Amino acid sequence: MPGMKEQKIILEGVVTQSFPNAMFHVRLDNEDVILGYISGKIRRSSIRILTGDRVKIEVSPYDVTKGRIIYRFPRGDSDDSDDSDD
């Protein structure tokens, strides 16, 4: 259907490895490892993502091996704080 938008799954994980082309291996909370790339919003904001950073990643139900990193949690914060804006 033309008006339907596919539903994305939003998961959290930790960046375990970074690649030169702005792609990252992200270990999800369920221990799966997927390939993540940076969303345009994060790229425009010049937010640096480093190994060990906790991120929120958006995954399509059609291909669960890749996802788009849409948020990086502030460093030194607890894992449960979703209410901060940066």
PDB file of N, CA and C in Angstrom:
ATOM      1  N   MET A   1       0.845  -1.188   0.000  1.00  0.00           N
ATOM      2  CA  MET A   1       0.000   0.000   0.000  1.00  0.00           C
ATOM      3  C   MET A   1       0.886   1.246   0.000  1.00  0.00           C
ATOM      4  N   PRO A   2       0.544   2.246  -0.785  1.00  0.00           N
ATOM      5  CA  PRO A   2       1.406   3.414  -0.911  1.00  0.00           C
ATOM      6  C   PRO A   2       1.516   4.248   0.363  1.00  0.00           C
ATOM      7  N   GLY A   3       0.461   4.334   1.146  1.00  0.00           N
ATOM      8  CA  GLY A   3       0.486   5.170   2.346  1.00  0.00           C
ATOM      9  C   GLY A   3       1.121   4.508   3.560  1.00  0.00           C
ATOM     10  N   MET A   4       1.342   3.196   3.467  1.00  0.00           N
ATOM     11  CA  MET A   4       1.879   2.466   4.618  1.00  0.00           C
ATOM     12  C   MET A   4       3.382   2.686   4.740  1.00  0.00           C
ATOM     13  N   LYS A   5       3.822   2.924   5.964  1.00  0.00           N
ATOM     14  CA  LYS A   5       5.251   3.055   6.220  1.00  0.00           C
ATOM     15  C   LYS A   5       5.667   1.849   7.054  1.00  0.00           C
ATOM     16  N   GLU A   6       6.812   1.239   6.713  1.00  0.00           N
ATOM     17  CA  GLU A   6       7.216   0.051   7.450  1.00  0.00           C
ATOM     18  C   GLU A   6       7.602   0.411   8.882  1.00  0.00           C
ATOM     19  N   GLN A   7       7.278  -0.459   9.804  1.00  0.00           N
ATOM     20  CA  GLN A   7       7.539  -0.222  11.216  1.00  0.00           C
ATOM     21  C   GLN A   7       8.972  -0.602  11.544  1.00  0.00           C
ATOM     22  N   LYS A   8       9.718   0.325  12.124  1.00  0.00           N
ATOM     23  CA  LYS A   8      11.103   0.063  12.508  1.00  0.00           C
ATOM     24  C   LYS A   8      11.145  -0.454  13.943  1.00  0.00           C
ATOM     25  N   ILE A   9      12.150  -1.267  14.219  1.00  0.00           N
ATOM     26  CA  ILE A   9      12.375  -1.767  15.573  1.00  0.00           C
ATOM     27  C   ILE A   9      13.515  -0.952  16.159  1.00  0.00           C
ATOM     28  N   ILE A  10      13.320  -0.373  17.344  1.00  0.00           N
ATOM     29  CA  ILE A  10      14.370   0.416  17.972  1.00  0.00           C
ATOM     30  C   ILE A  10      14.964  -0.388  19.126  1.00  0.00           C
ATOM     31  N   LEU A  11      16.282  -0.602  19.056  1.00  0.00           N
ATOM     32  CA  LEU A  11      16.999  -1.403  20.042  1.00  0.00           C
ATOM     33  C   LEU A  11      18.143  -0.581  20.617  1.00  0.00           C
ATOM     34  N   GLU A  12      18.717  -1.068  21.713  1.00  0.00           N
ATOM     35  CA  GLU A  12      19.878  -0.410  22.307  1.00  0.00           C
ATOM     36  C   GLU A  12      21.040  -1.379  22.344  1.00  0.00           C
ATOM     37  N   GLY A  13      22.260  -0.818  22.286  1.00  0.00           N
ATOM     38  CA  GLY A  13      23.437  -1.652  22.325  1.00  0.00           C
ATOM     39  C   GLY A  13      24.685  -0.831  22.549  1.00  0.00           C
ATOM     40  N   VAL A  14      25.829  -1.500  22.480  1.00  0.00           N
ATOM     41  CA  VAL A  14      27.127  -0.868  22.707  1.00  0.00           C
ATOM     42  C   VAL A  14      27.984  -1.066  21.461  1.00  0.00           C
ATOM     43  N   VAL A  15      28.656   0.006  21.026  1.00  0.00           N
ATOM     44  CA  VAL A  15      29.538  -0.069  19.864  1.00  0.00           C
ATOM     45  C   VAL A  15      30.773  -0.882  20.254  1.00  0.00           C
ATOM     46  N   THR A  16      31.057  -1.953  19.501  1.00  0.00           N
ATOM     47  CA  THR A  16      32.200  -2.802  19.816  1.00  0.00           C
ATOM     48  C   THR A  16      33.358  -2.607  18.851  1.00  0.00           C
ATOM     49  N   GLN A  17      33.074  -2.119  17.649  1.00  0.00           N
ATOM     50  CA  GLN A  17      34.133  -1.944  16.651  1.00  0.00           C
ATOM     51  C   GLN A  17      33.708  -0.854  15.682  1.00  0.00           C
ATOM     52  N   SER A  18      34.674  -0.017  15.245  1.00  0.00           N
ATOM     53  CA  SER A  18      34.336   1.005  14.258  1.00  0.00           C
ATOM     54  C   SER A  18      35.143   0.776  12.989  1.00  0.00           C
ATOM     55  N   PHE A  19      34.539   1.101  11.862  1.00  0.00           N
ATOM     56  CA  PHE A  19      35.168   0.936  10.560  1.00  0.00           C
ATOM     57  C   PHE A  19      35.384   2.313   9.933  1.00  0.00           C
ATOM     58  N   PRO A  20      36.329   2.431   8.991  1.00  0.00           N
ATOM     59  CA  PRO A  20      36.661   3.743   8.429  1.00  0.00           C
ATOM     60  C   PRO A  20      35.511   4.412   7.671  1.00  0.00           C
ATOM     61  N   ASN A  21      34.568   3.660   7.155  1.00  0.00           N
ATOM     62  CA  ASN A  21      33.483   4.246   6.366  1.00  0.00           C
ATOM     63  C   ASN A  21      32.265   4.609   7.221  1.00  0.00           C
ATOM     64  N   ALA A  22      32.500   4.993   8.467  1.00  0.00           N
ATOM     65  CA  ALA A  22      31.431   5.426   9.390  1.00  0.00           C
ATOM     66  C   ALA A  22      30.413   4.321   9.647  1.00  0.00           C
ATOM     67  N   MET A  23      30.885   3.083   9.670  1.00  0.00           N
ATOM     68  CA  MET A  23      30.028   1.963  10.042  1.00  0.00           C
ATOM     69  C   MET A  23      30.594   1.322  11.304  1.00  0.00           C
ATOM     70  N   PHE A  24      29.720   0.672  12.054  1.00  0.00           N
ATOM     71  CA  PHE A  24      30.096   0.166  13.368  1.00  0.00           C
ATOM     72  C   PHE A  24      29.470  -1.193  13.606  1.00  0.00           C
ATOM     73  N   HIS A  25      30.176  -2.043  14.368  1.00  0.00           N
ATOM     74  CA  HIS A  25      29.554  -3.245  14.908  1.00  0.00           C
ATOM     75  C   HIS A  25      28.939  -2.859  16.237  1.00  0.00           C
ATOM     76  N   VAL A  26      27.666  -3.173  16.414  1.00  0.00           N
ATOM     77  CA  VAL A  26      26.944  -2.849  17.641  1.00  0.00           C
ATOM     78  C   VAL A  26      26.478  -4.140  18.282  1.00  0.00           C
ATOM     79  N   ARG A  27      26.877  -4.355  19.551  1.00  0.00           N
ATOM     80  CA  ARG A  27      26.410  -5.523  20.302  1.00  0.00           C
ATOM     81  C   ARG A  27      25.135  -5.104  21.021  1.00  0.00           C
ATOM     82  N   LEU A  28      24.020  -5.713  20.622  1.00  0.00           N
ATOM     83  CA  LEU A  28      22.725  -5.366  21.205  1.00  0.00           C
ATOM     84  C   LEU A  28      22.597  -5.947  22.606  1.00  0.00           C
ATOM     85  N   ASP A  29      21.588  -5.495  23.324  1.00  0.00           N
ATOM     86  CA  ASP A  29      21.355  -5.989  24.685  1.00  0.00           C
ATOM     87  C   ASP A  29      21.040  -7.480  24.697  1.00  0.00           C
ATOM     88  N   ASN A  30      20.533  -8.015  23.575  1.00  0.00           N
ATOM     89  CA  ASN A  30      20.259  -9.459  23.506  1.00  0.00           C
ATOM     90  C   ASN A  30      21.457 -10.242  22.978  1.00  0.00           C
ATOM     91  N   GLU A  31      22.650  -9.627  22.964  1.00  0.00           N
ATOM     92  CA  GLU A  31      23.931 -10.233  22.589  1.00  0.00           C
ATOM     93  C   GLU A  31      24.101 -10.448  21.089  1.00  0.00           C
ATOM     94  N   ASP A  32      23.144 -10.061  20.244  1.00  0.00           N
ATOM     95  CA  ASP A  32      23.351 -10.122  18.794  1.00  0.00           C
ATOM     96  C   ASP A  32      24.281  -8.989  18.376  1.00  0.00           C
ATOM     97  N   VAL A  33      25.070  -9.206  17.325  1.00  0.00           N
ATOM     98  CA  VAL A  33      25.939  -8.156  16.792  1.00  0.00           C
ATOM     99  C   VAL A  33      25.437  -7.798  15.403  1.00  0.00           C
ATOM    100  N   ILE A  34      25.173  -6.503  15.171  1.00  0.00           N
ATOM    101  CA  ILE A  34      24.704  -6.065  13.864  1.00  0.00           C
ATOM    102  C   ILE A  34      25.581  -4.919  13.370  1.00  0.00           C
ATOM    103  N   LEU A  35      25.491  -4.649  12.080  1.00  0.00           N
ATOM    104  CA  LEU A  35      26.254  -3.577  11.451  1.00  0.00           C
ATOM    105  C   LEU A  35      25.407  -2.309  11.484  1.00  0.00           C
ATOM    106  N   GLY A  36      25.951  -1.245  12.068  1.00  0.00           N
ATOM    107  CA  GLY A  36      25.206   0.003  12.166  1.00  0.00           C
ATOM    108  C   GLY A  36      25.883   1.100  11.389  1.00  0.00           C
ATOM    109  N   TYR A  37      25.063   1.973  10.791  1.00  0.00           N
ATOM    110  CA  TYR A  37      25.607   3.147  10.116  1.00  0.00           C
ATOM    111  C   TYR A  37      24.969   4.383  10.739  1.00  0.00           C
ATOM    112  N   ILE A  38      25.617   5.528  10.577  1.00  0.00           N
ATOM    113  CA  ILE A  38      25.183   6.749  11.248  1.00  0.00           C
ATOM    114  C   ILE A  38      24.049   7.402  10.465  1.00  0.00           C
ATOM    115  N   SER A  39      23.020   7.849  11.163  1.00  0.00           N
ATOM    116  CA  SER A  39      21.930   8.567  10.504  1.00  0.00           C
ATOM    117  C   SER A  39      22.414   9.959  10.088  1.00  0.00           C
ATOM    118  N   GLY A  40      21.741  10.542   9.124  1.00  0.00           N
ATOM    119  CA  GLY A  40      22.123  11.860   8.623  1.00  0.00           C
ATOM    120  C   GLY A  40      22.061  12.931   9.685  1.00  0.00           C
ATOM    121  N   LYS A  41      21.117  12.831  10.604  1.00  0.00           N
ATOM    122  CA  LYS A  41      20.973  13.820  11.672  1.00  0.00           C
ATOM    123  C   LYS A  41      22.202  13.831  12.573  1.00  0.00           C
ATOM    124  N   ILE A  42      22.706  12.644  12.926  1.00  0.00           N
ATOM    125  CA  ILE A  42      23.908  12.551  13.765  1.00  0.00           C
ATOM    126  C   ILE A  42      25.122  13.048  12.981  1.00  0.00           C
ATOM    127  N   ARG A  43      25.184  12.713  11.690  1.00  0.00           N
ATOM    128  CA  ARG A  43      26.300  13.152  10.847  1.00  0.00           C
ATOM    129  C   ARG A  43      26.339  14.683  10.745  1.00  0.00           C
ATOM    130  N   ARG A  44      25.162  15.303  10.550  1.00  0.00           N
ATOM    131  CA  ARG A  44      25.085  16.770  10.451  1.00  0.00           C
ATOM    132  C   ARG A  44      25.479  17.440  11.755  1.00  0.00           C
ATOM    133  N   SER A  45      25.122  16.807  12.879  1.00  0.00           N
ATOM    134  CA  SER A  45      25.433  17.381  14.191  1.00  0.00           C
ATOM    135  C   SER A  45      26.878  17.140  14.602  1.00  0.00           C
ATOM    136  N   SER A  46      27.639  16.441  13.763  1.00  0.00           N
ATOM    137  CA  SER A  46      29.051  16.104  14.025  1.00  0.00           C
ATOM    138  C   SER A  46      29.234  15.405  15.364  1.00  0.00           C
ATOM    139  N   ILE A  47      28.323  14.490  15.685  1.00  0.00           N
ATOM    140  CA  ILE A  47      28.431  13.726  16.925  1.00  0.00           C
ATOM    141  C   ILE A  47      29.394  12.572  16.669  1.00  0.00           C
ATOM    142  N   ARG A  48      30.434  12.485  17.476  1.00  0.00           N
ATOM    143  CA  ARG A  48      31.436  11.420  17.334  1.00  0.00           C
ATOM    144  C   ARG A  48      30.951  10.171  18.051  1.00  0.00           C
ATOM    145  N   ILE A  49      31.012   9.053  17.377  1.00  0.00           N
ATOM    146  CA  ILE A  49      30.654   7.776  17.983  1.00  0.00           C
ATOM    147  C   ILE A  49      31.932   6.959  18.100  1.00  0.00           C
ATOM    148  N   LEU A  50      32.232   6.527  19.306  1.00  0.00           N
ATOM    149  CA  LEU A  50      33.466   5.804  19.584  1.00  0.00           C
ATOM    150  C   LEU A  50      33.158   4.408  20.106  1.00  0.00           C
ATOM    151  N   THR A  51      34.153   3.545  20.085  1.00  0.00           N
ATOM    152  CA  THR A  51      34.007   2.211  20.647  1.00  0.00           C
ATOM    153  C   THR A  51      33.656   2.320  22.132  1.00  0.00           C
ATOM    154  N   GLY A  52      32.657   1.585  22.573  1.00  0.00           N
ATOM    155  CA  GLY A  52      32.234   1.634  23.960  1.00  0.00           C
ATOM    156  C   GLY A  52      31.036   2.539  24.202  1.00  0.00           C
ATOM    157  N   ASP A  53      30.649   3.325  23.201  1.00  0.00           N
ATOM    158  CA  ASP A  53      29.480   4.203  23.358  1.00  0.00           C
ATOM    159  C   ASP A  53      28.193   3.385  23.342  1.00  0.00           C
ATOM    160  N   ARG A  54      27.235   3.802  24.156  1.00  0.00           N
ATOM    161  CA  ARG A  54      25.913   3.177  24.170  1.00  0.00           C
ATOM    162  C   ARG A  54      25.038   3.934  23.177  1.00  0.00           C
ATOM    163  N   VAL A  55      24.384   3.213  22.274  1.00  0.00           N
ATOM    164  CA  VAL A  55      23.609   3.852  21.206  1.00  0.00           C
ATOM    165  C   VAL A  55      22.225   3.231  21.089  1.00  0.00           C
ATOM    166  N   LYS A  56      21.349   3.997  20.453  1.00  0.00           N
ATOM    167  CA  LYS A  56      20.023   3.514  20.094  1.00  0.00           C
ATOM    168  C   LYS A  56      20.063   3.278  18.586  1.00  0.00           C
ATOM    169  N   ILE A  57      19.600   2.120  18.135  1.00  0.00           N
ATOM    170  CA  ILE A  57      19.714   1.768  16.723  1.00  0.00           C
ATOM    171  C   ILE A  57      18.354   1.331  16.184  1.00  0.00           C
ATOM    172  N   GLU A  58      18.051   1.774  14.962  1.00  0.00           N
ATOM    173  CA  GLU A  58      16.773   1.500  14.320  1.00  0.00           C
ATOM    174  C   GLU A  58      16.983   0.397  13.284  1.00  0.00           C
ATOM    175  N   VAL A  59      16.218  -0.676  13.397  1.00  0.00           N
ATOM    176  CA  VAL A  59      16.408  -1.844  12.542  1.00  0.00           C
ATOM    177  C   VAL A  59      15.117  -2.129  11.782  1.00  0.00           C
ATOM    178  N   SER A  60      15.255  -2.455  10.505  1.00  0.00           N
ATOM    179  CA  SER A  60      14.100  -2.829   9.698  1.00  0.00           C
ATOM    180  C   SER A  60      13.751  -4.292   9.979  1.00  0.00           C
ATOM    181  N   PRO A  61      12.478  -4.613  10.041  1.00  0.00           N
ATOM    182  CA  PRO A  61      12.109  -6.017  10.273  1.00  0.00           C
ATOM    183  C   PRO A  61      12.490  -6.921   9.103  1.00  0.00           C
ATOM    184  N   TYR A  62      12.771  -6.340   7.935  1.00  0.00           N
ATOM    185  CA  TYR A  62      13.117  -7.136   6.759  1.00  0.00           C
ATOM    186  C   TYR A  62      14.579  -7.561   6.745  1.00  0.00           C
ATOM    187  N   ASP A  63      15.473  -6.740   7.336  1.00  0.00           N
ATOM    188  CA  ASP A  63      16.896  -7.087   7.376  1.00  0.00           C
ATOM    189  C   ASP A  63      17.433  -6.730   8.758  1.00  0.00           C
ATOM    190  N   VAL A  64      17.483  -7.723   9.633  1.00  0.00           N
ATOM    191  CA  VAL A  64      17.880  -7.468  11.021  1.00  0.00           C
ATOM    192  C   VAL A  64      19.394  -7.523  11.217  1.00  0.00           C
ATOM    193  N   THR A  65      20.161  -7.607  10.117  1.00  0.00           N
ATOM    194  CA  THR A  65      21.618  -7.628  10.235  1.00  0.00           C
ATOM    195  C   THR A  65      22.222  -6.223  10.137  1.00  0.00           C
ATOM    196  N   LYS A  66      21.409  -5.241   9.725  1.00  0.00           N
ATOM    197  CA  LYS A  66      21.888  -3.868   9.574  1.00  0.00           C
ATOM    198  C   LYS A  66      20.915  -2.923  10.251  1.00  0.00           C
ATOM    199  N   GLY A  67      21.443  -1.776  10.712  1.00  0.00           N
ATOM    200  CA  GLY A  67      20.575  -0.793  11.323  1.00  0.00           C
ATOM    201  C   GLY A  67      21.179   0.594  11.272  1.00  0.00           C
ATOM    202  N   ARG A  68      20.354   1.590  11.544  1.00  0.00           N
ATOM    203  CA  ARG A  68      20.786   2.982  11.522  1.00  0.00           C
ATOM    204  C   ARG A  68      20.896   3.494  12.945  1.00  0.00           C
ATOM    205  N   ILE A  69      22.064   4.028  13.288  1.00  0.00           N
ATOM    206  CA  ILE A  69      22.279   4.574  14.630  1.00  0.00           C
ATOM    207  C   ILE A  69      21.592   5.936  14.690  1.00  0.00           C
ATOM    208  N   ILE A  70      20.607   6.066  15.583  1.00  0.00           N
ATOM    209  CA  ILE A  70      19.821   7.295  15.632  1.00  0.00           C
ATOM    210  C   ILE A  70      20.074   8.119  16.894  1.00  0.00           C
ATOM    211  N   TYR A  71      20.797   7.569  17.870  1.00  0.00           N
ATOM    212  CA  TYR A  71      21.024   8.304  19.112  1.00  0.00           C
ATOM    213  C   TYR A  71      22.240   7.742  19.835  1.00  0.00           C
ATOM    214  N   ARG A  72      23.068   8.633  20.375  1.00  0.00           N
ATOM    215  CA  ARG A  72      24.185   8.201  21.229  1.00  0.00           C
ATOM    216  C   ARG A  72      23.916   8.713  22.627  1.00  0.00           C
ATOM    217  N   PHE A  73      23.884   7.805  23.593  1.00  0.00           N
ATOM    218  CA  PHE A  73      23.643   8.205  24.974  1.00  0.00           C
ATOM    219  C   PHE A  73      24.836   8.992  25.493  1.00  0.00           C
ATOM    220  N   PRO A  74      24.601   9.983  26.344  1.00  0.00           N
ATOM    221  CA  PRO A  74      25.715  10.740  26.914  1.00  0.00           C
ATOM    222  C   PRO A  74      26.629   9.827  27.721  1.00  0.00           C
ATOM    223  N   ARG A  75      27.928  10.074  27.642  1.00  0.00           N
ATOM    224  CA  ARG A  75      28.893   9.250  28.379  1.00  0.00           C
ATOM    225  C   ARG A  75      28.763   9.490  29.878  1.00  0.00           C
ATOM    226  N   GLY A  76      28.923   8.406  30.656  1.00  0.00           N
ATOM    227  CA  GLY A  76      28.871   8.531  32.117  1.00  0.00           C
ATOM    228  C   GLY A  76      27.478   8.569  32.686  1.00  0.00           C
ATOM    229  N   ASP A  77      26.472   8.445  31.804  1.00  0.00           N
ATOM    230  CA  ASP A  77      25.083   8.435  32.266  1.00  0.00           C
ATOM    231  C   ASP A  77      24.647   7.003  32.536  1.00  0.00           C
ATOM    232  N   SER A  78      23.584   6.860  33.322  1.00  0.00           N
ATOM    233  CA  SER A  78      23.057   5.518  33.555  1.00  0.00           C
ATOM    234  C   SER A  78      22.330   5.053  32.286  1.00  0.00           C
ATOM    235  N   ASP A  79      22.135   3.739  32.157  1.00  0.00           N
ATOM    236  CA  ASP A  79      21.549   3.173  30.947  1.00  0.00           C
ATOM    237  C   ASP A  79      20.077   3.504  30.787  1.00  0.00           C
ATOM    238  N   ASP A  80      19.396   3.832  31.867  1.00  0.00           N
ATOM    239  CA  ASP A  80      17.952   3.992  31.825  1.00  0.00           C
ATOM    240  C   ASP A  80      17.489   5.411  31.565  1.00  0.00           C
ATOM    241  N   SER A  81      18.381   6.354  31.322  1.00  0.00           N
ATOM    242  CA  SER A  81      17.965   7.755  31.161  1.00  0.00           C
ATOM    243  C   SER A  81      17.641   8.032  29.695  1.00  0.00           C
ATOM    244  N   ASP A  82      16.350   8.042  29.377  1.00  0.00           N
ATOM    245  CA  ASP A  82      15.900   8.336  28.011  1.00  0.00           C
ATOM    246  C   ASP A  82      15.411   9.762  27.860  1.00  0.00           C
ATOM    247  N   ASP A  83      15.379  10.547  28.939  1.00  0.00           N
ATOM    248  CA  ASP A  83      14.740  11.854  28.905  1.00  0.00           C
ATOM    249  C   ASP A  83      15.706  12.990  28.598  1.00  0.00           C
ATOM    250  N   SER A  84      16.976  12.716  28.309  1.00  0.00           N
ATOM    251  CA  SER A  84      17.924  13.793  28.057  1.00  0.00           C
ATOM    252  C   SER A  84      17.960  14.140  26.572  1.00  0.00           C
ATOM    253  N   ASP A  85      18.099  15.421  26.242  1.00  0.00           N
ATOM    254  CA  ASP A  85      18.193  15.893  24.861  1.00  0.00           C
ATOM    255  C   ASP A  85      19.582  16.435  24.618  1.00  0.00           C
ATOM    256  N   ASP A  86      20.250  15.925  23.566  1.00  0.00           N
ATOM    257  CA  ASP A  86      21.507  16.562  23.157  1.00  0.00           C
ATOM    258  C   ASP A  86      21.731  16.477  21.687  1.00  0.00           C
TER     259      ASP A  86
END
